[in-house]
C-alpha cells in the first residue's frame, strides 16, 4: 500500500517514513499540503497520513479539499495538540483515525490497518456497527452523557458545566468509559461513537 505523509517537521517526517518502509509500505513524503496538491491527480492510490497543523493549508482543510474533489483516499490525521474539537471535525469529515503525537508504532499500524480495510470495504460493515453499539450499551447514563459531550467537541470543563458536576468527576466517568469501551485514547473512543452513529445523531439534533 502507498502511504502519503504530509508533515512540516522534517525529523518526524523522516522517522515515520523510515518506520513504514521497514514494514514494507511504499512511502511518499510532502512538507506541506500545497506540495501534495501539486500532483495529487497522479498520486498512487493509498492512505494519507497528514499533520493537523501545517504551514499554509491545514490538515483538516486538505482533507476537506480532497473530499470535495472526489479524492477518496482514507485519511489519518496526526497532531501534537490533542484538540477534542479537531478530532471530532476530522471524524465528521471522514478521517479514519486521529493520532496524538507522540504515537506508538502499534497505534500507527492499527490506524493504517483500518485505512486498508476501508479501501477494501468502503462502508463500515453492519457487524462493526453492531459491535460498537453493544460496547456503548455497557456505559452508564452519565458515562454516555460524557461521551456525547466529547462527540460535540466539548472539553471536560464545558461538559462538567452542562451536567452540573465537577471536571474531576468528568475525568473519572471518561476514564471508566474508555475502560469499558476497551480503548486507549480519545481518537479510538470517538471512532466507536462514529461507527455506532452517535455523530449522525448529534447532527440531527443540531438541525
Protein backbone atom coordinates (compact mmCIF):
# COMPACT_ATOMS: atom_id res chain seq x y z
CA UNK A 1 0.00 0.00 0.00
CA UNK A 2 1.16 3.53 -0.75
CA UNK A 3 1.34 5.96 2.20
CA UNK A 4 1.45 9.70 1.54
CA UNK A 5 2.87 11.52 4.60
CA UNK A 6 2.44 15.28 4.99
CA UNK A 7 4.33 16.92 7.88
CA UNK A 8 6.40 20.10 8.06
CA UNK A 9 8.55 18.63 10.85
CA UNK A 10 11.43 17.05 8.90
CA UNK A 11 12.51 14.86 11.83
CA UNK A 12 9.05 13.34 12.29
CA UNK A 13 8.59 13.01 8.53
CA UNK A 14 11.81 11.01 8.17
CA UNK A 15 11.20 8.95 11.31
CA UNK A 16 7.68 7.87 10.30
CA UNK A 17 8.77 7.25 6.71
CA UNK A 18 11.62 5.01 7.90
CA UNK A 19 9.26 3.09 10.20
CA UNK A 20 6.75 2.50 7.42
CA UNK A 21 9.33 1.49 4.83
CA UNK A 22 10.64 -1.10 7.29
CA UNK A 23 7.09 -2.51 7.37
CA UNK A 24 7.04 -2.81 3.57
CA UNK A 25 4.94 0.26 2.70
CA UNK A 26 5.64 2.48 -0.31
CA UNK A 27 6.17 5.91 1.24
CA UNK A 28 5.82 9.35 -0.37
CA UNK A 29 6.81 12.44 1.66
CA UNK A 30 5.50 16.02 1.49
CA UNK A 31 6.45 19.03 3.60
CA UNK A 32 3.15 20.86 3.05
CA UNK A 33 -0.39 20.35 1.81
CA UNK A 34 0.39 22.55 -1.16
CA UNK A 35 3.28 20.29 -2.18
CA UNK A 36 1.00 17.26 -2.16
CA UNK A 37 -1.68 19.08 -4.15
CA UNK A 38 0.76 19.91 -6.92
CA UNK A 39 0.44 16.38 -8.20
CA UNK A 40 -2.45 14.78 -6.35
CA UNK A 41 -4.27 13.90 -9.57
CA UNK A 42 -1.44 11.49 -10.39
CA UNK A 43 -0.94 10.14 -6.86
CA UNK A 44 -0.72 6.40 -6.34
CA UNK A 45 -3.85 5.13 -4.62
CA UNK A 46 -3.26 4.72 -0.91
CA UNK A 47 -3.62 6.31 2.51
CA UNK A 48 -2.86 9.87 3.61
CA UNK A 49 -1.07 10.42 6.93
CA UNK A 50 -1.41 14.17 7.49
CA UNK A 51 -0.33 16.51 10.29
CA UNK A 52 -3.17 18.67 11.55
CA UNK A 53 -1.14 21.87 11.88
CA UNK A 54 0.70 22.69 8.68
CA UNK A 55 2.04 25.99 7.35
CA UNK A 56 -0.49 27.32 4.85
CA UNK A 57 -3.33 24.86 4.28
CA UNK A 58 -4.08 22.83 7.44
CA UNK A 59 -4.54 19.10 7.59
CA UNK A 60 -8.30 19.46 8.06
CA UNK A 61 -8.51 21.87 5.12
CA UNK A 62 -6.53 19.45 2.95
CA UNK A 63 -8.82 16.59 3.93
CA UNK A 64 -11.90 18.64 3.04
CA UNK A 65 -10.39 19.82 -0.26
CA UNK A 66 -9.57 16.29 -1.38
CA UNK A 67 -13.04 15.08 -0.43
CA UNK A 68 -14.66 17.88 -2.41
CA UNK A 69 -12.50 16.99 -5.42
CA UNK A 70 -13.51 13.32 -5.28
CA UNK A 71 -10.18 12.03 -3.99
CA UNK A 72 -11.45 9.37 -1.60
CA UNK A 73 -8.13 8.17 -0.14
CA UNK A 74 -8.56 7.30 3.56
CA UNK A 75 -7.04 9.95 5.84
CA UNK A 76 -5.33 9.55 9.20
CA UNK A 77 -4.63 12.88 10.91
CA UNK A 78 -1.74 13.49 13.33
CA UNK A 79 -1.46 16.18 15.98
CA UNK A 80 0.64 17.07 18.97
CA UNK A 81 -2.08 19.24 20.48
CA UNK A 82 -4.81 16.78 21.43
CA UNK A 83 -7.70 19.06 20.48
CA UNK A 84 -11.05 17.37 21.04
CA UNK A 85 -12.93 19.64 18.64
CA UNK A 86 -10.41 18.94 15.88
CA UNK A 87 -10.72 15.19 16.43
CA UNK A 88 -14.50 15.44 16.10
CA UNK A 89 -14.27 17.55 12.96
CA UNK A 90 -11.77 15.10 11.47
CA UNK A 91 -14.10 12.16 12.09
CA UNK A 92 -17.10 14.01 10.67
CA UNK A 93 -15.11 14.88 7.56
CA UNK A 94 -14.33 11.19 7.14
CA UNK A 95 -10.94 10.68 8.81
CA UNK A 96 -10.21 7.03 9.58
CA UNK A 97 -8.31 7.88 12.75
CA UNK A 98 -6.73 10.68 14.73
CA UNK A 99 -3.26 10.05 16.20
CA UNK A 100 -1.87 12.15 19.04
CA UNK A 101 1.90 12.68 18.91
CA UNK A 102 3.99 11.01 20.10
CA UNK A 103 2.18 7.87 18.98
CA UNK A 104 3.43 4.31 19.17
CA UNK A 105 4.23 2.06 16.25
CA UNK A 106 1.31 -0.18 17.24
CA UNK A 107 -1.12 2.77 17.16
CA UNK A 108 0.15 3.79 13.73
CA UNK A 109 -0.11 0.25 12.37
CA UNK A 110 -3.64 -0.07 13.76
CA UNK A 111 -4.70 3.18 12.08
CA UNK A 112 -3.20 2.12 8.75
CA UNK A 113 -4.84 -1.28 9.11
CA UNK A 114 -8.21 0.46 9.47
CA UNK A 115 -7.39 2.57 6.42
CA UNK A 116 -6.52 -0.53 4.42
CA UNK A 117 -9.80 -2.15 5.48
CA UNK A 118 -11.69 0.96 4.43
CA UNK A 119 -10.06 0.86 0.99
CA UNK A 120 -11.23 -2.74 0.59
CA UNK A 121 -14.66 -2.23 2.15
CA UNK A 122 -15.61 1.48 1.82
CA UNK A 123 -18.60 1.25 4.15
CA UNK A 124 -18.34 0.10 7.76
CA UNK A 125 -19.85 -3.37 7.98
CA UNK A 126 -23.11 -3.92 9.80
CA UNK A 127 -21.20 -6.22 12.19
CA UNK A 128 -18.78 -3.42 13.07
CA UNK A 129 -21.70 -1.13 13.83
CA UNK A 130 -23.41 -3.77 15.96
CA UNK A 131 -20.18 -4.34 17.88
CA UNK A 132 -19.83 -0.60 18.51
CA UNK A 133 -23.44 -0.30 19.66
CA UNK A 134 -23.04 -3.25 22.01
CA UNK A 135 -19.97 -1.66 23.59
CA UNK A 136 -21.88 1.59 24.16
CA UNK A 137 -24.64 -0.34 25.94
CA UNK A 138 -22.19 -1.09 28.76
CA UNK A 139 -21.88 2.61 29.61
CA UNK A 140 -23.87 4.14 32.43
CA UNK A 141 -26.21 7.03 31.64
CA UNK A 142 -23.66 9.52 32.96
CA UNK A 143 -20.78 7.96 31.02
CA UNK A 144 -22.89 8.14 27.86
CA UNK A 145 -23.61 11.82 28.55
CA UNK A 146 -19.89 12.50 28.90
CA UNK A 147 -19.24 10.73 25.59
CA UNK A 148 -22.00 12.78 23.96
CA UNK A 149 -20.22 15.92 25.13
CA UNK A 150 -16.94 14.71 23.63
CA UNK A 151 -18.70 13.92 20.36
CA UNK A 152 -19.86 17.55 20.29
CA UNK A 153 -16.22 18.58 20.60
CA UNK A 154 -16.56 19.97 24.12
CA UNK A 155 -13.66 19.97 26.62
CA UNK A 156 -14.10 18.44 30.08
CA UNK A 157 -14.84 21.81 31.74
CA UNK A 158 -17.72 22.54 29.36
CA UNK A 159 -19.20 19.07 29.79
CA UNK A 160 -18.90 19.45 33.58
CA UNK A 161 -20.76 22.79 33.46
CA UNK A 162 -23.52 21.36 31.24
CA UNK A 163 -24.04 18.36 33.53
CA UNK A 164 -23.66 20.29 36.77
CA UNK A 165 -20.77 18.23 38.10
CA UNK A 166 -17.06 18.83 38.66
CA UNK A 167 -14.38 18.47 35.94
CA UNK A 168 -12.70 15.86 38.15
CA UNK A 169 -15.88 13.76 38.10
CA UNK A 170 -15.96 14.09 34.31
CA UNK A 171 -12.42 12.72 34.18
CA UNK A 172 -13.49 9.71 36.26
CA UNK A 173 -16.51 8.99 34.03
CA UNK A 174 -14.37 9.46 30.92
CA UNK A 175 -11.74 7.02 32.22
CA UNK A 176 -14.42 4.47 33.14
CA UNK A 177 -15.99 4.80 29.69
CA UNK A 178 -12.63 4.26 27.99
CA UNK A 179 -12.06 1.12 30.06
CA UNK A 180 -15.49 -0.30 29.19
CA UNK A 181 -15.03 0.52 25.50
CA UNK A 182 -11.57 -1.07 25.62
CA UNK A 183 -9.82 1.96 24.10
CA UNK A 184 -6.55 3.68 24.93
CA UNK A 185 -7.16 7.21 23.68
CA UNK A 186 -9.73 9.77 22.58
CA UNK A 187 -9.50 9.01 18.87
CA UNK A 188 -10.34 5.34 19.47
CA UNK A 189 -13.31 6.32 21.62
CA UNK A 190 -14.59 8.77 19.01
CA UNK A 191 -14.16 6.11 16.33
CA UNK A 192 -16.53 3.79 18.20
CA UNK A 193 -19.01 6.65 18.58
CA UNK A 194 -18.67 7.39 14.85
CA UNK A 195 -19.23 3.76 13.78
CA UNK A 196 -22.24 3.49 16.12
CA UNK A 197 -23.80 6.57 14.52
CA UNK A 198 -23.57 8.89 17.52
CA UNK A 199 -22.15 11.72 15.41
CA UNK A 200 -25.06 11.39 12.99
CA UNK A 201 -27.47 11.73 15.90
CA UNK A 202 -25.69 14.89 17.05
CA UNK A 203 -26.06 16.40 13.58
CA UNK A 204 -29.77 15.53 13.56
CA UNK A 205 -30.26 17.14 16.97
CA UNK A 206 -28.50 20.31 15.83
CA UNK A 207 -30.61 20.60 12.67
